[in-house]
């Protein structure tokens, strides 16, 4: 790391630069979940320990919980700095890593996969329609028929194609997230 980036990192984190770690996106996301869990645990303990009740006449010092305000704030800030660093590294990886089979970056794939899922749901409804369906109204004795206004076979074929494409996209993304490493300085 050059002198400029060392200084920027020190200004950003308030600490000297530590050696960079290599990790996959899957590992980084797991570490991020663990850091967020640890942060929540500390905040919840802070809520319990930052104040306390004492019965009238009881010596408050005998029931005072162990709580170090400055140490807790420092620990929370350290975790928050690691979360920022990890999220930025994941964001950078997602923005700059191309999924070869699709010619899209990971961030584009993270948009594309939900689009495919919604398309698959719509196509499933269309593929399951029948060409002519009888509909009866409760309010009258008139029988209506609902007709499919499209080629059901084409919708069924599109459904199968989209299902395969979605599966391929998910597997390609999983492969990258579990195999390609990037550097993070925590």
N, C-alpha and C. Protein backbone atom coordinates (compact mmCIF):
# COMPACT_ATOMS: atom_id res chain seq x y z
N UNK A 1 0.86 -1.17 0.00
CA UNK A 1 0.00 0.00 0.00
C UNK A 1 0.90 1.23 0.00
N UNK A 2 0.62 2.19 -0.86
CA UNK A 2 1.47 3.36 -0.96
C UNK A 2 1.22 4.32 0.20
N UNK A 3 2.06 5.32 0.30
CA UNK A 3 2.00 6.28 1.41
C UNK A 3 0.67 7.03 1.46
N UNK A 4 0.14 7.40 0.28
CA UNK A 4 -1.13 8.13 0.23
C UNK A 4 -2.26 7.28 0.83
N UNK A 5 -2.37 6.02 0.36
CA UNK A 5 -3.45 5.17 0.84
C UNK A 5 -3.28 4.82 2.32
N UNK A 6 -2.05 4.70 2.78
CA UNK A 6 -1.81 4.46 4.20
C UNK A 6 -2.35 5.63 5.01
N UNK A 7 -2.07 6.85 4.56
CA UNK A 7 -2.56 8.04 5.26
C UNK A 7 -4.07 8.16 5.22
N UNK A 8 -4.66 7.86 4.06
CA UNK A 8 -6.12 7.92 3.93
C UNK A 8 -6.76 6.89 4.84
N UNK A 9 -6.20 5.68 4.86
CA UNK A 9 -6.75 4.63 5.71
C UNK A 9 -6.65 5.02 7.18
N UNK A 10 -5.53 5.62 7.57
CA UNK A 10 -5.36 6.05 8.95
C UNK A 10 -6.37 7.14 9.30
N UNK A 11 -6.58 8.09 8.36
CA UNK A 11 -7.56 9.16 8.61
C UNK A 11 -8.96 8.56 8.71
N UNK A 12 -9.29 7.58 7.84
CA UNK A 12 -10.62 7.00 7.81
C UNK A 12 -10.90 6.18 9.07
N UNK A 13 -9.92 5.37 9.49
CA UNK A 13 -10.15 4.46 10.60
C UNK A 13 -9.62 4.99 11.92
N UNK A 14 -8.71 5.96 11.86
CA UNK A 14 -8.11 6.45 13.08
C UNK A 14 -7.01 5.53 13.59
N UNK A 15 -6.64 4.52 12.80
CA UNK A 15 -5.63 3.54 13.21
C UNK A 15 -4.59 3.41 12.12
N UNK A 16 -3.49 2.83 12.52
CA UNK A 16 -2.46 2.49 11.54
C UNK A 16 -3.03 1.41 10.63
N UNK A 17 -2.53 1.34 9.42
CA UNK A 17 -2.96 0.32 8.48
C UNK A 17 -2.48 -1.04 8.95
N UNK A 18 -3.37 -2.01 8.86
CA UNK A 18 -3.01 -3.39 9.17
C UNK A 18 -2.92 -4.15 7.86
N UNK A 19 -2.23 -5.28 7.86
CA UNK A 19 -2.11 -6.03 6.60
C UNK A 19 -3.49 -6.41 6.06
N UNK A 20 -3.58 -6.43 4.74
CA UNK A 20 -4.84 -6.78 4.11
C UNK A 20 -5.09 -8.28 4.21
N UNK A 21 -6.37 -8.64 4.33
CA UNK A 21 -6.78 -10.04 4.36
C UNK A 21 -7.43 -10.36 3.03
N UNK A 22 -7.25 -11.57 2.55
CA UNK A 22 -7.94 -12.01 1.35
C UNK A 22 -9.12 -12.86 1.81
N UNK A 23 -10.26 -12.61 1.17
CA UNK A 23 -11.45 -13.40 1.50
C UNK A 23 -12.42 -13.38 0.33
N UNK A 24 -13.31 -14.35 0.34
CA UNK A 24 -14.36 -14.39 -0.67
C UNK A 24 -15.52 -13.52 -0.21
N UNK A 25 -16.41 -13.24 -1.13
CA UNK A 25 -17.61 -12.47 -0.79
C UNK A 25 -18.45 -13.21 0.23
N UNK A 26 -18.54 -14.53 0.08
CA UNK A 26 -19.32 -15.33 1.04
C UNK A 26 -18.73 -15.20 2.44
N UNK A 27 -17.41 -15.28 2.54
CA UNK A 27 -16.76 -15.15 3.85
C UNK A 27 -16.94 -13.73 4.39
N UNK A 28 -16.81 -12.73 3.54
CA UNK A 28 -16.97 -11.34 3.97
C UNK A 28 -18.40 -11.10 4.48
N UNK A 29 -19.39 -11.65 3.79
CA UNK A 29 -20.77 -11.48 4.23
C UNK A 29 -21.03 -12.21 5.55
N UNK A 30 -20.41 -13.36 5.73
CA UNK A 30 -20.55 -14.07 7.01
C UNK A 30 -19.90 -13.25 8.12
N UNK A 31 -18.73 -12.70 7.85
CA UNK A 31 -18.05 -11.87 8.84
C UNK A 31 -18.89 -10.63 9.16
N UNK A 32 -19.52 -10.06 8.14
CA UNK A 32 -20.38 -8.89 8.33
C UNK A 32 -21.56 -9.23 9.24
N UNK A 33 -22.20 -10.39 9.01
CA UNK A 33 -23.30 -10.81 9.89
C UNK A 33 -22.81 -10.98 11.32
N UNK A 34 -21.63 -11.58 11.49
CA UNK A 34 -21.08 -11.77 12.83
C UNK A 34 -20.80 -10.44 13.52
N UNK A 35 -20.24 -9.49 12.77
CA UNK A 35 -19.98 -8.17 13.34
C UNK A 35 -21.28 -7.47 13.73
N UNK A 36 -22.30 -7.55 12.88
CA UNK A 36 -23.59 -6.93 13.21
C UNK A 36 -24.23 -7.60 14.43
N UNK A 37 -24.09 -8.92 14.53
CA UNK A 37 -24.60 -9.63 15.72
C UNK A 37 -23.86 -9.18 16.97
N UNK A 38 -22.55 -9.09 16.87
CA UNK A 38 -21.74 -8.65 18.01
C UNK A 38 -22.11 -7.22 18.42
N UNK A 39 -22.32 -6.35 17.44
CA UNK A 39 -22.72 -4.97 17.72
C UNK A 39 -24.06 -4.95 18.46
N UNK A 40 -25.02 -5.72 17.97
CA UNK A 40 -26.34 -5.78 18.61
C UNK A 40 -26.23 -6.30 20.04
N UNK A 41 -25.41 -7.31 20.23
CA UNK A 41 -25.22 -7.88 21.57
C UNK A 41 -24.67 -6.83 22.53
N UNK A 42 -23.67 -6.07 22.08
CA UNK A 42 -23.08 -5.04 22.93
C UNK A 42 -24.09 -3.94 23.23
N UNK A 43 -24.86 -3.52 22.22
CA UNK A 43 -25.88 -2.48 22.42
C UNK A 43 -26.93 -2.96 23.42
N UNK A 44 -27.36 -4.22 23.29
CA UNK A 44 -28.35 -4.77 24.23
C UNK A 44 -27.80 -4.85 25.65
N UNK A 45 -26.53 -5.24 25.79
CA UNK A 45 -25.91 -5.26 27.12
C UNK A 45 -25.80 -3.85 27.67
N UNK A 46 -25.48 -2.90 26.79
CA UNK A 46 -25.38 -1.50 27.22
C UNK A 46 -26.71 -1.02 27.78
N UNK A 47 -27.80 -1.39 27.12
CA UNK A 47 -29.13 -0.99 27.61
C UNK A 47 -29.39 -1.54 29.01
N UNK A 48 -28.92 -2.75 29.25
CA UNK A 48 -29.16 -3.38 30.57
C UNK A 48 -28.22 -2.84 31.64
N UNK A 49 -26.99 -2.52 31.26
CA UNK A 49 -25.97 -2.18 32.25
C UNK A 49 -25.74 -0.68 32.44
N UNK A 50 -26.25 0.15 31.53
CA UNK A 50 -25.96 1.59 31.63
C UNK A 50 -26.79 2.30 32.70
N UNK A 51 -27.78 1.64 33.19
CA UNK A 51 -28.52 2.19 34.33
C UNK A 51 -28.99 1.02 35.18
N UNK A 52 -29.38 1.31 36.41
CA UNK A 52 -29.84 0.24 37.29
C UNK A 52 -30.73 0.81 38.37
N UNK A 53 -31.48 -0.07 38.99
CA UNK A 53 -32.37 0.32 40.08
C UNK A 53 -31.80 -0.19 41.40
N UNK A 54 -32.02 0.58 42.42
CA UNK A 54 -31.67 0.16 43.77
C UNK A 54 -32.87 0.45 44.66
N UNK A 55 -33.14 -0.46 45.52
CA UNK A 55 -34.26 -0.30 46.46
C UNK A 55 -33.90 0.79 47.45
N UNK A 56 -34.91 1.54 47.89
CA UNK A 56 -34.66 2.60 48.86
C UNK A 56 -33.98 2.01 50.09
N UNK A 57 -32.91 2.63 50.49
CA UNK A 57 -32.16 2.17 51.65
C UNK A 57 -31.04 1.19 51.28
N UNK A 58 -31.05 0.71 50.07
CA UNK A 58 -30.02 -0.23 49.63
C UNK A 58 -28.81 0.57 49.15
N UNK A 59 -27.62 0.06 49.42
CA UNK A 59 -26.40 0.71 48.96
C UNK A 59 -26.28 0.47 47.45
N UNK A 60 -26.38 1.53 46.60
CA UNK A 60 -26.33 1.35 45.14
C UNK A 60 -25.06 0.65 44.67
N UNK A 61 -23.98 0.81 45.40
CA UNK A 61 -22.72 0.20 44.97
C UNK A 61 -22.78 -1.32 45.05
N UNK A 62 -23.64 -1.87 45.86
CA UNK A 62 -23.72 -3.33 45.97
C UNK A 62 -24.49 -3.95 44.81
N UNK A 63 -25.25 -3.17 44.07
CA UNK A 63 -26.03 -3.70 42.94
C UNK A 63 -25.61 -3.08 41.60
N UNK A 64 -24.60 -2.22 41.64
CA UNK A 64 -24.15 -1.55 40.41
C UNK A 64 -23.55 -2.60 39.45
N UNK A 65 -24.10 -2.67 38.20
CA UNK A 65 -23.51 -3.61 37.23
C UNK A 65 -22.19 -3.07 36.69
N UNK A 66 -21.34 -3.97 36.27
CA UNK A 66 -20.06 -3.57 35.67
C UNK A 66 -20.35 -2.96 34.31
N UNK A 67 -20.07 -1.69 34.15
CA UNK A 67 -20.30 -0.99 32.88
C UNK A 67 -19.25 0.08 32.73
N UNK A 68 -18.51 0.03 31.64
CA UNK A 68 -17.47 1.01 31.34
C UNK A 68 -17.90 1.74 30.08
N UNK A 69 -18.48 2.92 30.26
CA UNK A 69 -19.00 3.70 29.15
C UNK A 69 -17.98 3.86 28.03
N UNK A 70 -16.79 4.33 28.36
CA UNK A 70 -15.78 4.60 27.33
C UNK A 70 -15.35 3.33 26.60
N UNK A 71 -15.19 2.25 27.32
CA UNK A 71 -14.78 0.99 26.68
C UNK A 71 -15.87 0.48 25.73
N UNK A 72 -17.13 0.60 26.14
CA UNK A 72 -18.24 0.15 25.30
C UNK A 72 -18.32 1.00 24.03
N UNK A 73 -18.21 2.32 24.18
CA UNK A 73 -18.27 3.20 23.00
C UNK A 73 -17.12 2.90 22.05
N UNK A 74 -15.94 2.68 22.61
CA UNK A 74 -14.77 2.37 21.79
C UNK A 74 -14.96 1.05 21.04
N UNK A 75 -15.49 0.05 21.73
CA UNK A 75 -15.72 -1.25 21.08
C UNK A 75 -16.76 -1.14 19.97
N UNK A 76 -17.82 -0.38 20.21
CA UNK A 76 -18.85 -0.19 19.18
C UNK A 76 -18.28 0.55 17.97
N UNK A 77 -17.48 1.59 18.21
CA UNK A 77 -16.87 2.33 17.10
C UNK A 77 -15.93 1.44 16.29
N UNK A 78 -15.18 0.58 16.97
CA UNK A 78 -14.27 -0.32 16.26
C UNK A 78 -15.06 -1.28 15.36
N UNK A 79 -16.14 -1.84 15.88
CA UNK A 79 -16.97 -2.75 15.09
C UNK A 79 -17.59 -1.99 13.92
N UNK A 80 -18.09 -0.78 14.16
CA UNK A 80 -18.70 0.02 13.09
C UNK A 80 -17.69 0.32 11.98
N UNK A 81 -16.43 0.58 12.35
CA UNK A 81 -15.38 0.81 11.35
C UNK A 81 -15.14 -0.44 10.51
N UNK A 82 -15.11 -1.60 11.15
CA UNK A 82 -14.93 -2.85 10.41
C UNK A 82 -16.11 -3.11 9.47
N UNK A 83 -17.32 -2.80 9.94
CA UNK A 83 -18.52 -2.98 9.10
C UNK A 83 -18.42 -2.09 7.86
N UNK A 84 -18.04 -0.84 8.05
CA UNK A 84 -17.89 0.08 6.91
C UNK A 84 -16.86 -0.45 5.93
N UNK A 85 -15.73 -0.89 6.45
CA UNK A 85 -14.65 -1.40 5.59
C UNK A 85 -15.11 -2.62 4.82
N UNK A 86 -15.76 -3.55 5.51
CA UNK A 86 -16.24 -4.76 4.84
C UNK A 86 -17.30 -4.45 3.79
N UNK A 87 -18.27 -3.61 4.16
CA UNK A 87 -19.32 -3.27 3.20
C UNK A 87 -18.74 -2.59 1.97
N UNK A 88 -17.78 -1.72 2.18
CA UNK A 88 -17.15 -1.04 1.04
C UNK A 88 -16.40 -2.04 0.16
N UNK A 89 -15.69 -2.98 0.77
CA UNK A 89 -14.95 -3.99 0.01
C UNK A 89 -15.92 -4.87 -0.79
N UNK A 90 -17.03 -5.25 -0.18
CA UNK A 90 -18.04 -6.07 -0.87
C UNK A 90 -18.64 -5.25 -2.01
N UNK A 91 -18.97 -4.00 -1.74
CA UNK A 91 -19.53 -3.12 -2.77
C UNK A 91 -18.56 -2.99 -3.95
N UNK A 92 -17.29 -2.76 -3.63
CA UNK A 92 -16.28 -2.61 -4.68
C UNK A 92 -16.15 -3.91 -5.48
N UNK A 93 -16.13 -5.03 -4.80
CA UNK A 93 -16.07 -6.35 -5.47
C UNK A 93 -17.28 -6.53 -6.38
N UNK A 94 -18.46 -6.21 -5.88
CA UNK A 94 -19.69 -6.37 -6.67
C UNK A 94 -19.72 -5.44 -7.88
N UNK A 95 -19.18 -4.25 -7.74
CA UNK A 95 -19.19 -3.28 -8.83
C UNK A 95 -18.17 -3.61 -9.92
N UNK A 96 -17.11 -4.31 -9.56
CA UNK A 96 -16.00 -4.50 -10.50
C UNK A 96 -15.77 -5.94 -10.96
N UNK A 97 -16.52 -6.88 -10.43
CA UNK A 97 -16.34 -8.28 -10.81
C UNK A 97 -17.43 -8.68 -11.79
N UNK A 98 -17.01 -9.14 -12.95
CA UNK A 98 -17.95 -9.53 -14.01
C UNK A 98 -18.23 -11.02 -13.91
N UNK A 99 -19.50 -11.38 -14.04
CA UNK A 99 -19.91 -12.78 -14.11
C UNK A 99 -19.76 -13.17 -15.59
N UNK A 100 -18.74 -13.98 -15.91
CA UNK A 100 -18.40 -14.23 -17.31
C UNK A 100 -19.56 -14.77 -18.15
N UNK A 101 -20.34 -15.68 -17.60
CA UNK A 101 -21.41 -16.31 -18.37
C UNK A 101 -22.49 -15.32 -18.80
N UNK A 102 -22.58 -14.20 -18.08
CA UNK A 102 -23.65 -13.24 -18.36
C UNK A 102 -23.13 -11.89 -18.84
N UNK A 103 -21.84 -11.64 -18.71
CA UNK A 103 -21.29 -10.35 -19.13
C UNK A 103 -21.81 -9.19 -18.30
N UNK A 104 -22.20 -9.48 -17.06
CA UNK A 104 -22.70 -8.45 -16.15
C UNK A 104 -21.84 -8.46 -14.89
N UNK A 105 -21.75 -7.31 -14.24
CA UNK A 105 -21.08 -7.27 -12.95
C UNK A 105 -22.00 -7.91 -11.92
N UNK A 106 -21.43 -8.23 -10.77
CA UNK A 106 -22.22 -8.85 -9.71
C UNK A 106 -23.37 -7.94 -9.28
N UNK A 107 -23.11 -6.63 -9.19
CA UNK A 107 -24.19 -5.73 -8.78
C UNK A 107 -25.34 -5.75 -9.78
N UNK A 108 -25.03 -5.89 -11.07
CA UNK A 108 -26.09 -6.01 -12.07
C UNK A 108 -26.84 -7.34 -11.89
N UNK A 109 -26.08 -8.40 -11.59
CA UNK A 109 -26.70 -9.71 -11.36
C UNK A 109 -27.64 -9.68 -10.15
N UNK A 110 -27.28 -8.89 -9.15
CA UNK A 110 -28.12 -8.79 -7.95
C UNK A 110 -29.44 -8.08 -8.25
N UNK A 111 -29.49 -7.37 -9.35
CA UNK A 111 -30.75 -6.77 -9.83
C UNK A 111 -31.44 -7.73 -10.78
N UNK A 112 -30.65 -8.37 -11.64
CA UNK A 112 -31.18 -9.27 -12.67
C UNK A 112 -31.87 -10.49 -12.08
N UNK A 113 -31.31 -11.09 -11.04
CA UNK A 113 -31.89 -12.31 -10.46
C UNK A 113 -33.30 -12.07 -9.91
N UNK A 114 -33.55 -11.01 -9.14
CA UNK A 114 -34.95 -10.77 -8.72
C UNK A 114 -35.89 -10.48 -9.90
N UNK A 115 -35.35 -9.82 -10.94
CA UNK A 115 -36.17 -9.60 -12.14
C UNK A 115 -36.56 -10.93 -12.76
N UNK A 116 -35.60 -11.85 -12.86
CA UNK A 116 -35.90 -13.18 -13.40
C UNK A 116 -36.92 -13.91 -12.53
N UNK A 117 -36.80 -13.78 -11.23
CA UNK A 117 -37.74 -14.43 -10.30
C UNK A 117 -39.16 -13.90 -10.51
N UNK A 118 -39.30 -12.60 -10.66
CA UNK A 118 -40.63 -12.02 -10.90
C UNK A 118 -41.18 -12.47 -12.26
N UNK A 119 -40.30 -12.49 -13.28
CA UNK A 119 -40.71 -12.95 -14.60
C UNK A 119 -41.16 -14.41 -14.54
N UNK A 120 -40.43 -15.22 -13.82
CA UNK A 120 -40.76 -16.64 -13.68
C UNK A 120 -42.14 -16.82 -13.05
N UNK A 121 -42.43 -16.02 -12.04
CA UNK A 121 -43.73 -16.09 -11.37
C UNK A 121 -44.86 -15.72 -12.34
N UNK A 122 -44.67 -14.65 -13.12
CA UNK A 122 -45.69 -14.25 -14.10
C UNK A 122 -45.89 -15.32 -15.16
N UNK A 123 -44.78 -15.85 -15.67
CA UNK A 123 -44.86 -16.86 -16.72
C UNK A 123 -45.50 -18.15 -16.23
N UNK A 124 -45.29 -18.48 -14.96
CA UNK A 124 -45.91 -19.68 -14.40
C UNK A 124 -47.43 -19.54 -14.44
N UNK A 125 -47.94 -18.38 -14.07
CA UNK A 125 -49.38 -18.13 -14.12
C UNK A 125 -49.91 -18.27 -15.54
N UNK A 126 -49.20 -17.69 -16.50
CA UNK A 126 -49.62 -17.75 -17.89
C UNK A 126 -49.52 -19.18 -18.44
N UNK A 127 -48.47 -19.89 -18.09
CA UNK A 127 -48.26 -21.24 -18.61
C UNK A 127 -49.30 -22.23 -18.08
N UNK A 128 -49.89 -21.90 -16.94
CA UNK A 128 -50.87 -22.81 -16.33
C UNK A 128 -52.31 -22.52 -16.78
N UNK A 129 -52.50 -21.48 -17.56
CA UNK A 129 -53.84 -21.16 -18.03
C UNK A 129 -54.31 -22.22 -19.02
N UNK A 130 -55.61 -22.34 -19.11
CA UNK A 130 -56.17 -23.22 -20.12
C UNK A 130 -56.76 -22.34 -21.23
N UNK A 131 -56.86 -22.86 -22.46
CA UNK A 131 -57.29 -22.03 -23.59
C UNK A 131 -58.68 -21.42 -23.40
N UNK A 132 -59.59 -22.19 -22.79
CA UNK A 132 -60.96 -21.69 -22.61
C UNK A 132 -61.43 -22.18 -21.23
N UNK A 133 -61.86 -21.22 -20.40
CA UNK A 133 -62.25 -21.56 -19.05
C UNK A 133 -63.63 -20.97 -18.75
N UNK A 134 -64.48 -21.79 -18.19
CA UNK A 134 -65.83 -21.36 -17.87
C UNK A 134 -65.82 -20.60 -16.56
N UNK A 135 -66.51 -19.46 -16.56
CA UNK A 135 -66.63 -18.65 -15.35
C UNK A 135 -68.11 -18.40 -15.10
N UNK A 136 -68.51 -18.65 -13.88
CA UNK A 136 -69.91 -18.42 -13.51
C UNK A 136 -69.97 -17.27 -12.53
N UNK A 137 -70.96 -16.44 -12.70
CA UNK A 137 -71.16 -15.33 -11.80
C UNK A 137 -72.17 -15.74 -10.74
N UNK A 138 -71.91 -15.41 -9.52
CA UNK A 138 -72.81 -15.74 -8.42
C UNK A 138 -74.09 -14.92 -8.53
N UNK A 139 -74.01 -13.74 -9.07
CA UNK A 139 -75.16 -12.82 -9.12
C UNK A 139 -76.11 -13.10 -10.28
N UNK A 140 -75.68 -13.85 -11.27
CA UNK A 140 -76.57 -14.11 -12.39
C UNK A 140 -76.38 -15.54 -12.89
N UNK A 141 -77.26 -15.95 -13.74
CA UNK A 141 -77.20 -17.30 -14.30
C UNK A 141 -76.44 -17.33 -15.62
N UNK A 142 -75.86 -16.22 -15.98
CA UNK A 142 -75.14 -16.14 -17.25
C UNK A 142 -73.76 -16.78 -17.08
N UNK A 143 -73.40 -17.60 -18.04
CA UNK A 143 -72.10 -18.26 -18.04
C UNK A 143 -71.19 -17.53 -19.02
N UNK A 144 -70.03 -17.14 -18.52
CA UNK A 144 -69.03 -16.49 -19.37
C UNK A 144 -67.87 -17.45 -19.58
N UNK A 145 -67.16 -17.22 -20.66
CA UNK A 145 -65.95 -18.00 -20.92
C UNK A 145 -64.77 -17.05 -21.01
N UNK A 146 -63.72 -17.43 -20.32
CA UNK A 146 -62.46 -16.67 -20.37
C UNK A 146 -61.54 -17.40 -21.34
N UNK A 147 -61.03 -16.66 -22.34
CA UNK A 147 -60.16 -17.24 -23.36
C UNK A 147 -58.74 -16.72 -23.17
N UNK A 148 -57.79 -17.58 -23.33
CA UNK A 148 -56.39 -17.15 -23.32
C UNK A 148 -56.15 -16.34 -24.58
N UNK A 149 -55.53 -15.22 -24.43
CA UNK A 149 -55.30 -14.30 -25.54
C UNK A 149 -53.83 -14.33 -25.97
N UNK A 150 -53.21 -15.50 -25.87
CA UNK A 150 -51.80 -15.66 -26.21
C UNK A 150 -51.54 -17.15 -26.44
N UNK A 151 -50.37 -17.47 -26.88
CA UNK A 151 -49.97 -18.85 -27.13
C UNK A 151 -49.47 -19.46 -25.81
N UNK A 152 -50.27 -20.35 -25.23
CA UNK A 152 -49.93 -20.96 -23.94
C UNK A 152 -48.66 -21.79 -24.05
N UNK A 153 -48.47 -22.47 -25.16
CA UNK A 153 -47.27 -23.28 -25.36
C UNK A 153 -46.02 -22.40 -25.34
N UNK A 154 -46.12 -21.22 -25.94
CA UNK A 154 -44.98 -20.29 -25.94
C UNK A 154 -44.70 -19.82 -24.51
N UNK A 155 -45.74 -19.52 -23.75
CA UNK A 155 -45.57 -19.10 -22.36
C UNK A 155 -44.93 -20.23 -21.54
N UNK A 156 -45.33 -21.46 -21.80
CA UNK A 156 -44.76 -22.62 -21.11
C UNK A 156 -43.28 -22.79 -21.45
N UNK A 157 -42.95 -22.63 -22.71
CA UNK A 157 -41.54 -22.72 -23.14
C UNK A 157 -40.72 -21.58 -22.53
N UNK A 158 -41.29 -20.38 -22.50
CA UNK A 158 -40.59 -19.23 -21.89
C UNK A 158 -40.40 -19.46 -20.40
N UNK A 159 -41.39 -20.07 -19.75
CA UNK A 159 -41.28 -20.39 -18.32
C UNK A 159 -40.10 -21.34 -18.09
N UNK A 160 -40.02 -22.40 -18.88
CA UNK A 160 -38.92 -23.38 -18.73
C UNK A 160 -37.57 -22.72 -18.98
N UNK A 161 -37.50 -21.88 -20.02
CA UNK A 161 -36.25 -21.18 -20.34
C UNK A 161 -35.84 -20.24 -19.20
N UNK A 162 -36.79 -19.51 -18.67
CA UNK A 162 -36.51 -18.55 -17.60
C UNK A 162 -36.09 -19.28 -16.33
N UNK A 163 -36.71 -20.41 -16.04
CA UNK A 163 -36.34 -21.20 -14.86
C UNK A 163 -34.89 -21.67 -14.99
N UNK A 164 -34.51 -22.14 -16.17
CA UNK A 164 -33.13 -22.58 -16.40
C UNK A 164 -32.16 -21.41 -16.31
N UNK A 165 -32.53 -20.27 -16.87
CA UNK A 165 -31.69 -19.08 -16.84
C UNK A 165 -31.49 -18.60 -15.40
N UNK A 166 -32.54 -18.60 -14.62
CA UNK A 166 -32.46 -18.18 -13.21
C UNK A 166 -31.53 -19.12 -12.45
N UNK A 167 -31.67 -20.39 -12.66
CA UNK A 167 -30.81 -21.37 -12.00
C UNK A 167 -29.35 -21.16 -12.39
N UNK A 168 -29.10 -20.95 -13.67
CA UNK A 168 -27.75 -20.71 -14.17
C UNK A 168 -27.16 -19.43 -13.55
N UNK A 169 -27.98 -18.38 -13.47
CA UNK A 169 -27.52 -17.11 -12.91
C UNK A 169 -27.17 -17.27 -11.43
N UNK A 170 -28.02 -17.96 -10.68
CA UNK A 170 -27.76 -18.17 -9.26
C UNK A 170 -26.49 -18.98 -9.03
N UNK A 171 -26.31 -20.03 -9.84
CA UNK A 171 -25.12 -20.87 -9.69
C UNK A 171 -23.85 -20.10 -10.07
N UNK A 172 -23.91 -19.27 -11.11
CA UNK A 172 -22.74 -18.48 -11.52
C UNK A 172 -22.37 -17.48 -10.43
N UNK A 173 -23.37 -16.86 -9.84
CA UNK A 173 -23.13 -15.90 -8.76
C UNK A 173 -22.57 -16.60 -7.53
N UNK A 174 -23.15 -17.74 -7.17
CA UNK A 174 -22.65 -18.51 -6.03
C UNK A 174 -21.20 -18.92 -6.24
N UNK A 175 -20.88 -19.34 -7.45
CA UNK A 175 -19.52 -19.77 -7.76
C UNK A 175 -18.52 -18.63 -7.51
N UNK A 176 -18.84 -17.44 -8.01
CA UNK A 176 -17.95 -16.29 -7.81
C UNK A 176 -17.85 -15.91 -6.33
N UNK A 177 -19.00 -15.87 -5.67
CA UNK A 177 -19.02 -15.46 -4.27
C UNK A 177 -18.26 -16.42 -3.36
N UNK A 178 -18.13 -17.67 -3.79
CA UNK A 178 -17.45 -18.66 -2.97
C UNK A 178 -16.04 -18.99 -3.43
N UNK A 179 -15.59 -18.41 -4.54
CA UNK A 179 -14.26 -18.77 -5.03
C UNK A 179 -13.33 -17.59 -5.29
N UNK A 180 -13.85 -16.48 -5.72
CA UNK A 180 -12.98 -15.33 -6.05
C UNK A 180 -12.71 -14.53 -4.78
N UNK A 181 -11.44 -14.30 -4.52
CA UNK A 181 -11.05 -13.56 -3.31
C UNK A 181 -10.72 -12.11 -3.64
N UNK A 182 -10.92 -11.25 -2.66
CA UNK A 182 -10.53 -9.86 -2.78
C UNK A 182 -9.88 -9.46 -1.46
N UNK A 183 -9.22 -8.33 -1.45
CA UNK A 183 -8.48 -7.90 -0.27
C UNK A 183 -9.30 -6.91 0.54
N UNK A 184 -9.21 -7.10 1.87
CA UNK A 184 -9.88 -6.20 2.82
C UNK A 184 -8.87 -5.88 3.91
N UNK A 185 -8.69 -4.59 4.21
CA UNK A 185 -7.82 -4.25 5.33
C UNK A 185 -8.67 -3.91 6.54
N UNK A 186 -8.74 -4.89 7.43
CA UNK A 186 -9.53 -4.71 8.66
C UNK A 186 -8.65 -4.32 9.81
